[in-house]
Amino acid sequence: MKDVVANEKLPYIPETFTLGCHTFKVQLYKELYDDNDPLYGQFDYDEQVIRIRIFKDNGKPLSRECILNTYYHELFHTFNYLWNTGSDESLASTFAMLMCEYETTRKYAKK
């Protein structure tokens, strides 16, 4: 199967970012695969890109929460790789989950 790029832009997902003097691109996909297995996200250090799937198999958009969780998961792979050239799945999943919980529960002082 072949990856299918999405033409959509999402205001809560960056198009690029810089870490450790490397500029990474973030690409959004309707369909994303690894050896014909569907993926939600992928970090590729060689190409300095994070790929994020934003649609379900039925063509309906994934939830904002699912997309953000996937983005943070791949972002934490980036952090981990730049720290020790590894990409531990449980570490990325845990930090992504914590980041999403932080984002959805934070409260600010009211004026």
PDB file of N, CA and C in Angstrom:
ATOM      1  N   MET A   1       0.841  -1.181   0.000  1.00  0.00           N
ATOM      2  CA  MET A   1       0.000   0.000   0.000  1.00  0.00           C
ATOM      3  C   MET A   1       0.879   1.234   0.000  1.00  0.00           C
ATOM      4  N   LYS A   2       0.314   2.311  -0.454  1.00  0.00           N
ATOM      5  CA  LYS A   2       1.079   3.534  -0.559  1.00  0.00           C
ATOM      6  C   LYS A   2       0.485   4.616   0.326  1.00  0.00           C
ATOM      7  N   ASP A   3       1.347   5.407   0.961  1.00  0.00           N
ATOM      8  CA  ASP A   3       0.911   6.520   1.791  1.00  0.00           C
ATOM      9  C   ASP A   3       0.140   7.529   0.935  1.00  0.00           C
ATOM     10  N   VAL A   4      -0.866   8.161   1.535  1.00  0.00           N
ATOM     11  CA  VAL A   4      -1.647   9.179   0.839  1.00  0.00           C
ATOM     12  C   VAL A   4      -1.575  10.464   1.658  1.00  0.00           C
ATOM     13  N   VAL A   5      -0.977  11.493   1.079  1.00  0.00           N
ATOM     14  CA  VAL A   5      -0.798  12.772   1.758  1.00  0.00           C
ATOM     15  C   VAL A   5      -2.143  13.485   1.876  1.00  0.00           C
ATOM     16  N   ALA A   6      -2.389  14.103   3.005  1.00  0.00           N
ATOM     17  CA  ALA A   6      -3.600  14.909   3.211  1.00  0.00           C
ATOM     18  C   ALA A   6      -3.307  16.342   2.803  1.00  0.00           C
ATOM     19  N   ASN A   7      -4.266  16.979   2.185  1.00  0.00           N
ATOM     20  CA  ASN A   7      -4.100  18.377   1.794  1.00  0.00           C
ATOM     21  C   ASN A   7      -4.488  19.330   2.919  1.00  0.00           C
ATOM     22  N   GLU A   8      -5.041  18.789   3.987  1.00  0.00           N
ATOM     23  CA  GLU A   8      -5.512  19.593   5.107  1.00  0.00           C
ATOM     24  C   GLU A   8      -4.351  20.136   5.943  1.00  0.00           C
ATOM     25  N   LYS A   9      -4.598  21.269   6.567  1.00  0.00           N
ATOM     26  CA  LYS A   9      -3.698  21.848   7.564  1.00  0.00           C
ATOM     27  C   LYS A   9      -4.478  21.880   8.876  1.00  0.00           C
ATOM     28  N   LEU A  10      -3.797  21.634   9.976  1.00  0.00           N
ATOM     29  CA  LEU A  10      -4.443  21.667  11.279  1.00  0.00           C
ATOM     30  C   LEU A  10      -3.800  22.770  12.117  1.00  0.00           C
ATOM     31  N   PRO A  11      -4.602  23.682  12.672  1.00  0.00           N
ATOM     32  CA  PRO A  11      -4.031  24.821  13.402  1.00  0.00           C
ATOM     33  C   PRO A  11      -3.326  24.440  14.691  1.00  0.00           C
ATOM     34  N   TYR A  12      -3.514  23.230  15.184  1.00  0.00           N
ATOM     35  CA  TYR A  12      -2.884  22.812  16.433  1.00  0.00           C
ATOM     36  C   TYR A  12      -1.695  21.872  16.216  1.00  0.00           C
ATOM     37  N   ILE A  13      -1.333  21.628  14.967  1.00  0.00           N
ATOM     38  CA  ILE A  13      -0.160  20.812  14.633  1.00  0.00           C
ATOM     39  C   ILE A  13       0.798  21.684  13.817  1.00  0.00           C
ATOM     40  N   PRO A  14       2.050  21.841  14.260  1.00  0.00           N
ATOM     41  CA  PRO A  14       2.984  22.698  13.512  1.00  0.00           C
ATOM     42  C   PRO A  14       3.380  22.065  12.175  1.00  0.00           C
ATOM     43  N   GLU A  15       3.792  22.903  11.247  1.00  0.00           N
ATOM     44  CA  GLU A  15       4.309  22.399   9.968  1.00  0.00           C
ATOM     45  C   GLU A  15       5.796  22.095  10.071  1.00  0.00           C
ATOM     46  N   THR A  16       6.506  22.860  10.914  1.00  0.00           N
ATOM     47  CA  THR A  16       7.933  22.645  11.138  1.00  0.00           C
ATOM     48  C   THR A  16       8.265  23.019  12.580  1.00  0.00           C
ATOM     49  N   PHE A  17       9.408  22.538  13.041  1.00  0.00           N
ATOM     50  CA  PHE A  17       9.961  22.949  14.331  1.00  0.00           C
ATOM     51  C   PHE A  17      11.447  22.629  14.289  1.00  0.00           C
ATOM     52  N   THR A  18      12.212  23.272  15.181  1.00  0.00           N
ATOM     53  CA  THR A  18      13.644  23.047  15.241  1.00  0.00           C
ATOM     54  C   THR A  18      14.022  22.529  16.621  1.00  0.00           C
ATOM     55  N   LEU A  19      14.790  21.448  16.643  1.00  0.00           N
ATOM     56  CA  LEU A  19      15.340  20.869  17.865  1.00  0.00           C
ATOM     57  C   LEU A  19      16.783  20.472  17.592  1.00  0.00           C
ATOM     58  N   GLY A  20      17.679  20.841  18.492  1.00  0.00           N
ATOM     59  CA  GLY A  20      19.072  20.444  18.339  1.00  0.00           C
ATOM     60  C   GLY A  20      19.678  20.880  17.020  1.00  0.00           C
ATOM     61  N   CYS A  21      19.303  22.051  16.572  1.00  0.00           N
ATOM     62  CA  CYS A  21      19.786  22.621  15.299  1.00  0.00           C
ATOM     63  C   CYS A  21      19.320  21.832  14.074  1.00  0.00           C
ATOM     64  N   HIS A  22      18.308  20.996  14.224  1.00  0.00           N
ATOM     65  CA  HIS A  22      17.710  20.267  13.102  1.00  0.00           C
ATOM     66  C   HIS A  22      16.306  20.808  12.891  1.00  0.00           C
ATOM     67  N   THR A  23      15.963  21.114  11.670  1.00  0.00           N
ATOM     68  CA  THR A  23      14.601  21.533  11.358  1.00  0.00           C
ATOM     69  C   THR A  23      13.827  20.325  10.871  1.00  0.00           C
ATOM     70  N   PHE A  24      12.763  20.007  11.594  1.00  0.00           N
ATOM     71  CA  PHE A  24      11.907  18.864  11.272  1.00  0.00           C
ATOM     72  C   PHE A  24      10.628  19.351  10.609  1.00  0.00           C
ATOM     73  N   LYS A  25      10.144  18.599   9.641  1.00  0.00           N
ATOM     74  CA  LYS A  25       8.856  18.861   9.006  1.00  0.00           C
ATOM     75  C   LYS A  25       7.824  17.943   9.645  1.00  0.00           C
ATOM     76  N   VAL A  26       6.584  18.395   9.655  1.00  0.00           N
ATOM     77  CA  VAL A  26       5.465  17.562  10.088  1.00  0.00           C
ATOM     78  C   VAL A  26       4.533  17.436   8.889  1.00  0.00           C
ATOM     79  N   GLN A  27       4.312  16.210   8.457  1.00  0.00           N
ATOM     80  CA  GLN A  27       3.472  15.945   7.290  1.00  0.00           C
ATOM     81  C   GLN A  27       2.218  15.197   7.730  1.00  0.00           C
ATOM     82  N   LEU A  28       1.078  15.612   7.194  1.00  0.00           N
ATOM     83  CA  LEU A  28      -0.205  14.999   7.518  1.00  0.00           C
ATOM     84  C   LEU A  28      -0.632  14.062   6.393  1.00  0.00           C
ATOM     85  N   TYR A  29      -1.185  12.913   6.782  1.00  0.00           N
ATOM     86  CA  TYR A  29      -1.553  11.880   5.814  1.00  0.00           C
ATOM     87  C   TYR A  29      -2.986  11.416   6.006  1.00  0.00           C
ATOM     88  N   LYS A  30      -3.635  11.102   4.880  1.00  0.00           N
ATOM     89  CA  LYS A  30      -4.933  10.419   4.926  1.00  0.00           C
ATOM     90  C   LYS A  30      -4.711   8.952   5.258  1.00  0.00           C
ATOM     91  N   GLU A  31      -3.658   8.372   4.693  1.00  0.00           N
ATOM     92  CA  GLU A  31      -3.291   6.980   4.935  1.00  0.00           C
ATOM     93  C   GLU A  31      -1.783   6.912   5.122  1.00  0.00           C
ATOM     94  N   LEU A  32      -1.330   6.078   6.051  1.00  0.00           N
ATOM     95  CA  LEU A  32       0.091   5.951   6.361  1.00  0.00           C
ATOM     96  C   LEU A  32       0.388   4.494   6.674  1.00  0.00           C
ATOM     97  N   TYR A  33       1.444   3.963   6.063  1.00  0.00           N
ATOM     98  CA  TYR A  33       1.747   2.532   6.183  1.00  0.00           C
ATOM     99  C   TYR A  33       3.230   2.288   6.428  1.00  0.00           C
ATOM    100  N   ASP A  34       3.509   1.143   7.035  1.00  0.00           N
ATOM    101  CA  ASP A  34       4.863   0.610   7.161  1.00  0.00           C
ATOM    102  C   ASP A  34       4.776  -0.863   6.782  1.00  0.00           C
ATOM    103  N   ASP A  35       5.360  -1.227   5.655  1.00  0.00           N
ATOM    104  CA  ASP A  35       5.266  -2.603   5.147  1.00  0.00           C
ATOM    105  C   ASP A  35       3.817  -3.075   5.092  1.00  0.00           C
ATOM    106  N   ASN A  36       2.934  -2.245   4.534  1.00  0.00           N
ATOM    107  CA  ASN A  36       1.507  -2.531   4.355  1.00  0.00           C
ATOM    108  C   ASN A  36       0.710  -2.550   5.652  1.00  0.00           C
ATOM    109  N   ASP A  37       1.351  -2.291   6.799  1.00  0.00           N
ATOM    110  CA  ASP A  37       0.632  -2.193   8.069  1.00  0.00           C
ATOM    111  C   ASP A  37       0.283  -0.727   8.312  1.00  0.00           C
ATOM    112  N   PRO A  38      -0.985  -0.439   8.640  1.00  0.00           N
ATOM    113  CA  PRO A  38      -1.356   0.963   8.880  1.00  0.00           C
ATOM    114  C   PRO A  38      -0.673   1.526  10.119  1.00  0.00           C
ATOM    115  N   LEU A  39      -0.290   2.787  10.034  1.00  0.00           N
ATOM    116  CA  LEU A  39       0.341   3.511  11.142  1.00  0.00           C
ATOM    117  C   LEU A  39      -0.478   4.745  11.473  1.00  0.00           C
ATOM    118  N   TYR A  40      -0.371   5.196  12.723  1.00  0.00           N
ATOM    119  CA  TYR A  40      -0.930   6.498  13.096  1.00  0.00           C
ATOM    120  C   TYR A  40       0.135   7.581  12.985  1.00  0.00           C
ATOM    121  N   GLY A  41       1.384   7.216  13.230  1.00  0.00           N
ATOM    122  CA  GLY A  41       2.454   8.202  13.145  1.00  0.00           C
ATOM    123  C   GLY A  41       3.789   7.535  12.921  1.00  0.00           C
ATOM    124  N   GLN A  42       4.765   8.354  12.514  1.00  0.00           N
ATOM    125  CA  GLN A  42       6.103   7.830  12.242  1.00  0.00           C
ATOM    126  C   GLN A  42       7.119   8.966  12.390  1.00  0.00           C
ATOM    127  N   PHE A  43       8.203   8.677  13.087  1.00  0.00           N
ATOM    128  CA  PHE A  43       9.331   9.607  13.213  1.00  0.00           C
ATOM    129  C   PHE A  43      10.451   9.080  12.343  1.00  0.00           C
ATOM    130  N   ASP A  44      10.994   9.941  11.487  1.00  0.00           N
ATOM    131  CA  ASP A  44      12.080   9.548  10.591  1.00  0.00           C
ATOM    132  C   ASP A  44      13.217  10.550  10.740  1.00  0.00           C
ATOM    133  N   TYR A  45      14.258  10.145  11.472  1.00  0.00           N
ATOM    134  CA  TYR A  45      15.382  11.049  11.696  1.00  0.00           C
ATOM    135  C   TYR A  45      16.156  11.309  10.413  1.00  0.00           C
ATOM    136  N   ASP A  46      16.333  10.288   9.582  1.00  0.00           N
ATOM    137  CA  ASP A  46      17.104  10.463   8.347  1.00  0.00           C
ATOM    138  C   ASP A  46      16.510  11.554   7.459  1.00  0.00           C
ATOM    139  N   GLU A  47      15.194  11.613   7.376  1.00  0.00           N
ATOM    140  CA  GLU A  47      14.528  12.628   6.561  1.00  0.00           C
ATOM    141  C   GLU A  47      14.100  13.834   7.386  1.00  0.00           C
ATOM    142  N   GLN A  48      14.302  13.770   8.703  1.00  0.00           N
ATOM    143  CA  GLN A  48      13.915  14.816   9.647  1.00  0.00           C
ATOM    144  C   GLN A  48      12.455  15.215   9.446  1.00  0.00           C
ATOM    145  N   VAL A  49      11.596  14.206   9.608  1.00  0.00           N
ATOM    146  CA  VAL A  49      10.170  14.407   9.402  1.00  0.00           C
ATOM    147  C   VAL A  49       9.373  13.569  10.402  1.00  0.00           C
ATOM    148  N   ILE A  50       8.245  14.125  10.810  1.00  0.00           N
ATOM    149  CA  ILE A  50       7.232  13.390  11.557  1.00  0.00           C
ATOM    150  C   ILE A  50       6.031  13.279  10.638  1.00  0.00           C
ATOM    151  N   ARG A  51       5.534  12.071  10.473  1.00  0.00           N
ATOM    152  CA  ARG A  51       4.355  11.824   9.654  1.00  0.00           C
ATOM    153  C   ARG A  51       3.192  11.452  10.584  1.00  0.00           C
ATOM    154  N   ILE A  52       2.035  12.082  10.352  1.00  0.00           N
ATOM    155  CA  ILE A  52       0.868  11.865  11.196  1.00  0.00           C
ATOM    156  C   ILE A  52      -0.338  11.538  10.322  1.00  0.00           C
ATOM    157  N   ARG A  53      -0.986  10.445  10.650  1.00  0.00           N
ATOM    158  CA  ARG A  53      -2.236  10.086   9.968  1.00  0.00           C
ATOM    159  C   ARG A  53      -3.376  10.844  10.645  1.00  0.00           C
ATOM    160  N   ILE A  54      -4.269  11.474   9.845  1.00  0.00           N
ATOM    161  CA  ILE A  54      -5.346  12.271  10.438  1.00  0.00           C
ATOM    162  C   ILE A  54      -6.742  11.757  10.070  1.00  0.00           C
ATOM    163  N   PHE A  55      -6.822  10.642   9.353  1.00  0.00           N
ATOM    164  CA  PHE A  55      -8.111  10.066   8.982  1.00  0.00           C
ATOM    165  C   PHE A  55      -8.183   8.595   9.380  1.00  0.00           C
ATOM    166  N   LYS A  56      -9.383   8.147   9.721  1.00  0.00           N
ATOM    167  CA  LYS A  56      -9.643   6.736  10.001  1.00  0.00           C
ATOM    168  C   LYS A  56      -9.696   5.964   8.690  1.00  0.00           C
ATOM    169  N   ASP A  57      -9.747   4.639   8.793  1.00  0.00           N
ATOM    170  CA  ASP A  57      -9.863   3.796   7.602  1.00  0.00           C
ATOM    171  C   ASP A  57     -11.130   4.099   6.807  1.00  0.00           C
ATOM    172  N   ASN A  58     -12.190   4.541   7.479  1.00  0.00           N
ATOM    173  CA  ASN A  58     -13.448   4.831   6.792  1.00  0.00           C
ATOM    174  C   ASN A  58     -13.476   6.228   6.164  1.00  0.00           C
ATOM    175  N   GLY A  59     -12.355   6.954   6.225  1.00  0.00           N
ATOM    176  CA  GLY A  59     -12.268   8.269   5.610  1.00  0.00           C
ATOM    177  C   GLY A  59     -12.712   9.420   6.493  1.00  0.00           C
ATOM    178  N   LYS A  60     -13.213   9.117   7.696  1.00  0.00           N
ATOM    179  CA  LYS A  60     -13.624  10.169   8.618  1.00  0.00           C
ATOM    180  C   LYS A  60     -12.406  10.657   9.403  1.00  0.00           C
ATOM    181  N   PRO A  61     -12.396  11.944   9.758  1.00  0.00           N
ATOM    182  CA  PRO A  61     -11.241  12.475  10.496  1.00  0.00           C
ATOM    183  C   PRO A  61     -11.088  11.822  11.870  1.00  0.00           C
ATOM    184  N   LEU A  62      -9.854  11.625  12.275  1.00  0.00           N
ATOM    185  CA  LEU A  62      -9.574  11.206  13.645  1.00  0.00           C
ATOM    186  C   LEU A  62      -9.862  12.373  14.571  1.00  0.00           C
ATOM    187  N   SER A  63     -10.096  12.093  15.827  1.00  0.00           N
ATOM    188  CA  SER A  63     -10.361  13.158  16.793  1.00  0.00           C
ATOM    189  C   SER A  63      -9.109  14.007  17.011  1.00  0.00           C
ATOM    190  N   ARG A  64      -9.347  15.239  17.427  1.00  0.00           N
ATOM    191  CA  ARG A  64      -8.242  16.144  17.747  1.00  0.00           C
ATOM    192  C   ARG A  64      -7.341  15.501  18.798  1.00  0.00           C
ATOM    193  N   GLU A  65      -7.945  14.857  19.800  1.00  0.00           N
ATOM    194  CA  GLU A  65      -7.180  14.225  20.871  1.00  0.00           C
ATOM    195  C   GLU A  65      -6.288  13.107  20.341  1.00  0.00           C
ATOM    196  N   CYS A  66      -6.809  12.299  19.439  1.00  0.00           N
ATOM    197  CA  CYS A  66      -6.030  11.202  18.866  1.00  0.00           C
ATOM    198  C   CYS A  66      -4.863  11.744  18.033  1.00  0.00           C
ATOM    199  N   ILE A  67      -5.141  12.774  17.253  1.00  0.00           N
ATOM    200  CA  ILE A  67      -4.090  13.371  16.417  1.00  0.00           C
ATOM    201  C   ILE A  67      -3.008  14.005  17.290  1.00  0.00           C
ATOM    202  N   LEU A  68      -3.423  14.743  18.326  1.00  0.00           N
ATOM    203  CA  LEU A  68      -2.449  15.361  19.232  1.00  0.00           C
ATOM    204  C   LEU A  68      -1.619  14.306  19.962  1.00  0.00           C
ATOM    205  N   ASN A  69      -2.275  13.257  20.429  1.00  0.00           N
ATOM    206  CA  ASN A  69      -1.550  12.193  21.118  1.00  0.00           C
ATOM    207  C   ASN A  69      -0.514  11.567  20.185  1.00  0.00           C
ATOM    208  N   THR A  70      -0.900  11.333  18.948  1.00  0.00           N
ATOM    209  CA  THR A  70       0.041  10.768  17.969  1.00  0.00           C
ATOM    210  C   THR A  70       1.191  11.731  17.707  1.00  0.00           C
ATOM    211  N   TYR A  71       0.868  13.022  17.542  1.00  0.00           N
ATOM    212  CA  TYR A  71       1.924  14.013  17.315  1.00  0.00           C
ATOM    213  C   TYR A  71       2.903  14.040  18.488  1.00  0.00           C
ATOM    214  N   TYR A  72       2.377  14.112  19.713  1.00  0.00           N
ATOM    215  CA  TYR A  72       3.272  14.148  20.869  1.00  0.00           C
ATOM    216  C   TYR A  72       4.091  12.857  20.982  1.00  0.00           C
ATOM    217  N   HIS A  73       3.484  11.729  20.676  1.00  0.00           N
ATOM    218  CA  HIS A  73       4.213  10.455  20.702  1.00  0.00           C
ATOM    219  C   HIS A  73       5.435  10.541  19.779  1.00  0.00           C
ATOM    220  N   GLU A  74       5.217  11.009  18.562  1.00  0.00           N
ATOM    221  CA  GLU A  74       6.332  11.111  17.602  1.00  0.00           C
ATOM    222  C   GLU A  74       7.312  12.208  18.005  1.00  0.00           C
ATOM    223  N   LEU A  75       6.816  13.294  18.585  1.00  0.00           N
ATOM    224  CA  LEU A  75       7.702  14.356  19.067  1.00  0.00           C
ATOM    225  C   LEU A  75       8.620  13.830  20.172  1.00  0.00           C
ATOM    226  N   PHE A  76       8.070  13.018  21.080  1.00  0.00           N
ATOM    227  CA  PHE A  76       8.903  12.455  22.133  1.00  0.00           C
ATOM    228  C   PHE A  76       9.890  11.430  21.594  1.00  0.00           C
ATOM    229  N   HIS A  77       9.561  10.766  20.497  1.00  0.00           N
ATOM    230  CA  HIS A  77      10.570   9.941  19.819  1.00  0.00           C
ATOM    231  C   HIS A  77      11.729  10.832  19.346  1.00  0.00           C
ATOM    232  N   THR A  78      11.387  12.021  18.864  1.00  0.00           N
ATOM    233  CA  THR A  78      12.419  12.966  18.423  1.00  0.00           C
ATOM    234  C   THR A  78      13.312  13.357  19.585  1.00  0.00           C
ATOM    235  N   PHE A  79      12.713  13.731  20.722  1.00  0.00           N
ATOM    236  CA  PHE A  79      13.499  14.081  21.903  1.00  0.00           C
ATOM    237  C   PHE A  79      14.412  12.922  22.305  1.00  0.00           C
ATOM    238  N   ASN A  80      13.825  11.731  22.377  1.00  0.00           N
ATOM    239  CA  ASN A  80      14.565  10.549  22.802  1.00  0.00           C
ATOM    240  C   ASN A  80      15.701  10.241  21.838  1.00  0.00           C
ATOM    241  N   TYR A  81      15.443  10.347  20.553  1.00  0.00           N
ATOM    242  CA  TYR A  81      16.479  10.059  19.569  1.00  0.00           C
ATOM    243  C   TYR A  81      17.631  11.058  19.677  1.00  0.00           C
ATOM    244  N   LEU A  82      17.306  12.324  19.850  1.00  0.00           N
ATOM    245  CA  LEU A  82      18.369  13.326  19.978  1.00  0.00           C
ATOM    246  C   LEU A  82      19.134  13.181  21.284  1.00  0.00           C
ATOM    247  N   TRP A  83      18.520  12.585  22.287  1.00  0.00           N
ATOM    248  CA  TRP A  83      19.196  12.351  23.565  1.00  0.00           C
ATOM    249  C   TRP A  83      20.137  11.166  23.472  1.00  0.00           C
ATOM    250  N   ASN A  84      19.665  10.030  22.893  1.00  0.00           N
ATOM    251  CA  ASN A  84      20.519   8.833  22.899  1.00  0.00           C
ATOM    252  C   ASN A  84      20.398   7.950  21.656  1.00  0.00           C
ATOM    253  N   THR A  85      19.886   8.489  20.594  1.00  0.00           N
ATOM    254  CA  THR A  85      19.668   7.776  19.323  1.00  0.00           C
ATOM    255  C   THR A  85      18.803   6.531  19.486  1.00  0.00           C
ATOM    256  N   GLY A  86      17.937   6.519  20.477  1.00  0.00           N
ATOM    257  CA  GLY A  86      16.959   5.447  20.648  1.00  0.00           C
ATOM    258  C   GLY A  86      15.570   5.981  20.396  1.00  0.00           C
ATOM    259  N   SER A  87      14.593   5.099  20.426  1.00  0.00           N
ATOM    260  CA  SER A  87      13.206   5.555  20.268  1.00  0.00           C
ATOM    261  C   SER A  87      12.271   4.572  20.968  1.00  0.00           C
ATOM    262  N   ASP A  88      12.342   4.566  22.281  1.00  0.00           N
ATOM    263  CA  ASP A  88      11.569   3.657  23.109  1.00  0.00           C
ATOM    264  C   ASP A  88      10.069   3.933  22.988  1.00  0.00           C
ATOM    265  N   GLU A  89       9.289   2.911  22.630  1.00  0.00           N
ATOM    266  CA  GLU A  89       7.842   3.072  22.435  1.00  0.00           C
ATOM    267  C   GLU A  89       7.106   3.399  23.724  1.00  0.00           C
ATOM    268  N   SER A  90       7.440   2.708  24.816  1.00  0.00           N
ATOM    269  CA  SER A  90       6.702   2.959  26.058  1.00  0.00           C
ATOM    270  C   SER A  90       6.999   4.342  26.609  1.00  0.00           C
ATOM    271  N   LEU A  91       8.221   4.813  26.457  1.00  0.00           N
ATOM    272  CA  LEU A  91       8.567   6.157  26.909  1.00  0.00           C
ATOM    273  C   LEU A  91       7.802   7.202  26.102  1.00  0.00           C
ATOM    274  N   ALA A  92       7.792   7.066  24.784  1.00  0.00           N
ATOM    275  CA  ALA A  92       7.067   8.010  23.926  1.00  0.00           C
ATOM    276  C   ALA A  92       5.574   7.991  24.229  1.00  0.00           C
ATOM    277  N   SER A  93       5.007   6.803  24.425  1.00  0.00           N
ATOM    278  CA  SER A  93       3.575   6.690  24.721  1.00  0.00           C
ATOM    279  C   SER A  93       3.233   7.325  26.056  1.00  0.00           C
ATOM    280  N   THR A  94       4.051   7.088  27.060  1.00  0.00           N
ATOM    281  CA  THR A  94       3.787   7.642  28.392  1.00  0.00           C
ATOM    282  C   THR A  94       3.870   9.162  28.376  1.00  0.00           C
ATOM    283  N   PHE A  95       4.921   9.718  27.805  1.00  0.00           N
ATOM    284  CA  PHE A  95       5.048  11.172  27.771  1.00  0.00           C
ATOM    285  C   PHE A  95       3.968  11.815  26.913  1.00  0.00           C
ATOM    286  N   ALA A  96       3.581  11.178  25.818  1.00  0.00           N
ATOM    287  CA  ALA A  96       2.502  11.715  24.974  1.00  0.00           C
ATOM    288  C   ALA A  96       1.198  11.761  25.758  1.00  0.00           C
ATOM    289  N   MET A  97       0.892  10.675  26.467  1.00  0.00           N
ATOM    290  CA  MET A  97      -0.327  10.622  27.264  1.00  0.00           C
ATOM    291  C   MET A  97      -0.314  11.712  28.339  1.00  0.00           C
ATOM    292  N   LEU A  98       0.810  11.865  29.020  1.00  0.00           N
ATOM    293  CA  LEU A  98       0.911  12.889  30.059  1.00  0.00           C
ATOM    294  C   LEU A  98       0.771  14.292  29.477  1.00  0.00           C
ATOM    295  N   MET A  99       1.358  14.527  28.317  1.00  0.00           N
ATOM    296  CA  MET A  99       1.261  15.837  27.672  1.00  0.00           C
ATOM    297  C   MET A  99      -0.181  16.145  27.284  1.00  0.00           C
ATOM    298  N   CYS A 100      -0.880  15.166  26.742  1.00  0.00           N
ATOM    299  CA  CYS A 100      -2.284  15.371  26.366  1.00  0.00           C
ATOM    300  C   CYS A 100      -3.136  15.644  27.592  1.00  0.00           C
ATOM    301  N   GLU A 101      -2.897  14.919  28.671  1.00  0.00           N
ATOM    302  CA  GLU A 101      -3.648  15.150  29.898  1.00  0.00           C
ATOM    303  C   GLU A 101      -3.366  16.547  30.434  1.00  0.00           C
ATOM    304  N   TYR A 102      -2.116  16.951  30.420  1.00  0.00           N
ATOM    305  CA  TYR A 102      -1.739  18.299  30.848  1.00  0.00           C
ATOM    306  C   TYR A 102      -2.492  19.343  30.028  1.00  0.00           C
ATOM    307  N   GLU A 103      -2.464  19.193  28.703  1.00  0.00           N
ATOM    308  CA  GLU A 103      -3.107  20.179  27.829  1.00  0.00           C
ATOM    309  C   GLU A 103      -4.608  20.279  28.051  1.00  0.00           C
ATOM    310  N   THR A 104      -5.256  19.170  28.342  1.00  0.00           N
ATOM    311  CA  THR A 104      -6.713  19.186  28.476  1.00  0.00           C
ATOM    312  C   THR A 104      -7.194  19.532  29.881  1.00  0.00           C
ATOM    313  N   THR A 105      -6.298  19.565  30.865  1.00  0.00           N
ATOM    314  CA  THR A 105      -6.729  19.820  32.246  1.00  0.00           C
ATOM    315  C   THR A 105      -6.144  21.087  32.852  1.00  0.00           C
ATOM    316  N   ARG A 106      -5.227  21.754  32.183  1.00  0.00           N
ATOM    317  CA  ARG A 106      -4.608  22.933  32.789  1.00  0.00           C
ATOM    318  C   ARG A 106      -5.637  24.044  32.977  1.00  0.00           C
ATOM    319  N   LYS A 107      -5.451  24.773  34.053  1.00  0.00           N
ATOM    320  CA  LYS A 107      -6.347  25.888  34.400  1.00  0.00           C
ATOM    321  C   LYS A 107      -5.485  27.121  34.658  1.00  0.00           C
ATOM    322  N   TYR A 108      -5.962  28.254  34.178  1.00  0.00           N
ATOM    323  CA  TYR A 108      -5.240  29.500  34.359  1.00  0.00           C
ATOM    324  C   TYR A 108      -6.000  30.418  35.313  1.00  0.00           C
ATOM    325  N   ALA A 109      -5.265  31.325  35.936  1.00  0.00           N
ATOM    326  CA  ALA A 109      -5.897  32.313  36.807  1.00  0.00           C
ATOM    327  C   ALA A 109      -6.815  33.195  35.975  1.00  0.00           C
ATOM    328  N   LYS A 110      -7.934  33.544  36.555  1.00  0.00           N
ATOM    329  CA  LYS A 110      -8.891  34.431  35.875  1.00  0.00           C
ATOM    330  C   LYS A 110      -8.646  35.852  36.328  1.00  0.00           C
ATOM    331  N   LYS A 111      -8.838  36.773  35.418  1.00  0.00           N
ATOM    332  CA  LYS A 111      -8.636  38.208  35.748  1.00  0.00           C
ATOM    333  C   LYS A 111      -9.745  38.709  36.620  1.00  0.00           C
TER     334      LYS A 111
END
